Amino acid sequence: MRDNRPAYWGQRQAREALGTARDVAGTSLITAARRPARPGRFFTVHLGFTAPDLASARELAVGYAEALSVLRPEVALGASALSPAEAWQQAERLFCGASGPDGERCADVANHPGFHHAPGPGGLGWGDGD
């Protein structure tokens, strides 16, 4: 009964699956993955900085987010948010993110006046403007 522990059975099953050295000579032991790779997950980076007030902090945060998106295009600008260091659960969005007619999202700062604008130079504008 001592040899019936799980480790023994795991070794035995592996040996049976792989065969002996003579059986597998010339074949690869590395195969393709049995299941597809997981899709990418969304992660958040928290950057700490100091500012005299919320308006200044918002302006700095927008600048940091835009600069990071220029350096790394995979950074999701629309997901950027700002919160006080001691109250991260009170995060406020930095960018508008309104849906456009072609499925685009507005890339202007939150609560902006006028039309919404798609990202990039010459991006589509929509909505009720001035």
Protein backbone atom coordinates (compact mmCIF):
# COMPACT_ATOMS: atom_id res chain seq x y z
CA MET A 1 0.00 0.00 0.00
CA ARG A 2 2.92 2.32 0.56
CA ASP A 3 3.59 2.58 -3.19
CA ASN A 4 0.02 3.66 -3.95
CA ARG A 5 0.61 7.28 -2.94
CA PRO A 6 -0.14 9.97 -5.57
CA ALA A 7 3.52 10.68 -6.39
CA TYR A 8 4.08 7.07 -7.40
CA TRP A 9 1.01 7.05 -9.62
CA GLY A 10 2.07 10.34 -11.20
CA GLN A 11 5.48 8.92 -12.06
CA ARG A 12 3.96 5.72 -13.37
CA GLN A 13 1.49 7.57 -15.55
CA ALA A 14 4.26 9.78 -16.92
CA ARG A 15 6.39 6.75 -17.70
CA GLU A 16 3.49 5.05 -19.47
CA ALA A 17 2.67 8.19 -21.46
CA LEU A 18 6.27 8.83 -22.53
CA GLY A 19 7.30 5.21 -23.04
CA THR A 20 10.84 3.99 -22.68
CA ALA A 21 13.90 5.69 -24.14
CA ARG A 22 13.86 3.27 -27.08
CA ASP A 23 10.26 4.14 -27.91
CA VAL A 24 10.74 7.90 -27.98
CA ALA A 25 14.16 8.08 -29.63
CA GLY A 26 14.05 10.67 -32.38
CA THR A 27 10.73 12.22 -31.34
CA SER A 28 10.28 15.50 -29.54
CA LEU A 29 9.01 15.53 -25.97
CA ILE A 30 7.86 19.14 -26.33
CA THR A 31 4.39 19.58 -27.78
CA ALA A 32 2.09 22.49 -28.44
CA ALA A 33 0.05 23.86 -25.56
CA ARG A 34 -3.18 21.96 -24.94
CA ARG A 35 -5.22 25.07 -24.26
CA PRO A 36 -5.06 28.51 -25.85
CA ALA A 37 -3.12 31.26 -24.14
CA ARG A 38 -5.07 33.53 -21.81
CA PRO A 39 -6.13 36.89 -23.24
CA GLY A 40 -4.35 39.96 -21.93
CA ARG A 41 -5.68 41.35 -18.65
CA PHE A 42 -6.03 45.01 -17.74
CA PHE A 43 -3.62 46.30 -15.09
CA THR A 44 -3.27 49.70 -13.43
CA VAL A 45 -0.14 51.72 -12.69
CA HIS A 46 -0.25 54.18 -9.82
CA LEU A 47 2.12 57.14 -10.09
CA GLY A 48 2.70 59.31 -7.06
CA PHE A 49 3.45 63.02 -7.35
CA THR A 50 2.87 66.21 -5.39
CA ALA A 51 0.78 69.21 -6.41
CA PRO A 52 -0.50 72.28 -4.55
CA ASP A 53 -4.20 71.62 -5.32
CA LEU A 54 -6.58 69.35 -7.24
CA ALA A 55 -6.65 71.50 -10.39
CA SER A 56 -2.85 71.45 -10.64
CA ALA A 57 -2.79 67.73 -9.91
CA ARG A 58 -5.35 67.10 -12.65
CA GLU A 59 -3.29 69.08 -15.16
CA LEU A 60 -0.10 67.21 -14.23
CA ALA A 61 -1.88 63.83 -14.37
CA VAL A 62 -3.25 64.57 -17.86
CA GLY A 63 0.26 65.53 -18.98
CA TYR A 64 1.78 62.35 -17.51
CA ALA A 65 -0.90 60.15 -19.12
CA GLU A 66 -0.50 61.78 -22.54
CA ALA A 67 3.31 61.55 -22.35
CA LEU A 68 3.14 57.87 -21.42
CA SER A 69 0.75 57.17 -24.28
CA VAL A 70 3.22 58.77 -26.72
CA LEU A 71 6.08 56.63 -25.39
CA ARG A 72 4.01 53.46 -25.07
CA PRO A 73 1.01 53.26 -27.47
CA GLU A 74 -0.51 50.33 -25.55
CA VAL A 75 -1.25 52.61 -22.57
CA ALA A 76 -5.02 53.10 -22.36
CA LEU A 77 -5.55 56.85 -22.09
CA GLY A 78 -9.28 56.54 -21.53
CA ALA A 79 -8.73 54.50 -18.38
CA SER A 80 -6.58 57.16 -16.70
CA ALA A 81 -7.86 58.43 -13.38
CA LEU A 82 -6.73 60.76 -10.58
CA SER A 83 -7.24 60.35 -6.83
CA PRO A 84 -5.70 61.67 -3.62
CA ALA A 85 -2.96 59.37 -2.33
CA GLU A 86 -4.87 58.47 0.82
CA ALA A 87 -8.22 57.93 -0.97
CA TRP A 88 -7.57 55.89 -4.12
CA GLN A 89 -11.20 54.69 -4.11
CA GLN A 90 -12.28 58.28 -4.94
CA ALA A 91 -10.67 58.23 -8.38
CA GLU A 92 -12.02 60.60 -11.05
CA ARG A 93 -11.61 60.10 -14.78
CA LEU A 94 -9.09 62.31 -16.55
CA PHE A 95 -10.49 61.97 -20.08
CA CYS A 96 -14.03 62.27 -21.46
CA GLY A 97 -14.39 58.88 -23.16
CA ALA A 98 -17.78 59.68 -24.78
CA SER A 99 -18.78 57.21 -27.54
CA GLY A 100 -18.78 58.55 -31.07
CA PRO A 101 -20.79 57.48 -34.13
CA ASP A 102 -18.03 55.20 -35.44
CA GLY A 103 -17.32 53.55 -32.08
CA GLU A 104 -14.46 55.94 -31.32
CA ARG A 105 -13.98 57.49 -27.89
CA CYS A 106 -13.47 61.16 -27.09
CA ALA A 107 -9.85 61.87 -26.20
CA ASP A 108 -10.41 65.34 -24.67
CA VAL A 109 -10.10 65.98 -20.95
CA ALA A 110 -13.13 65.23 -18.77
CA ASN A 111 -15.86 67.92 -18.61
CA HIS A 112 -14.52 69.74 -21.68
CA PRO A 113 -16.71 72.31 -23.46
CA GLY A 114 -17.77 71.92 -27.09
CA PHE A 115 -17.52 69.02 -29.51
CA HIS A 116 -16.08 65.62 -28.68
CA HIS A 117 -12.97 64.65 -30.65
CA ALA A 118 -11.53 61.29 -31.64
CA PRO A 119 -7.84 60.72 -30.89
CA GLY A 120 -5.15 61.78 -33.33
CA PRO A 121 -4.72 64.74 -35.64
CA GLY A 122 -7.79 65.28 -37.79
CA GLY A 123 -9.88 62.96 -35.62
CA LEU A 124 -13.64 62.94 -36.07
CA GLY A 125 -15.60 65.56 -34.10
CA TRP A 126 -19.20 65.02 -32.96
CA GLY A 127 -21.85 66.23 -30.54
CA ASP A 128 -23.29 69.60 -29.54
CA GLY A 129 -20.53 72.18 -29.86
CA ASP A 130 -20.24 75.89 -29.35
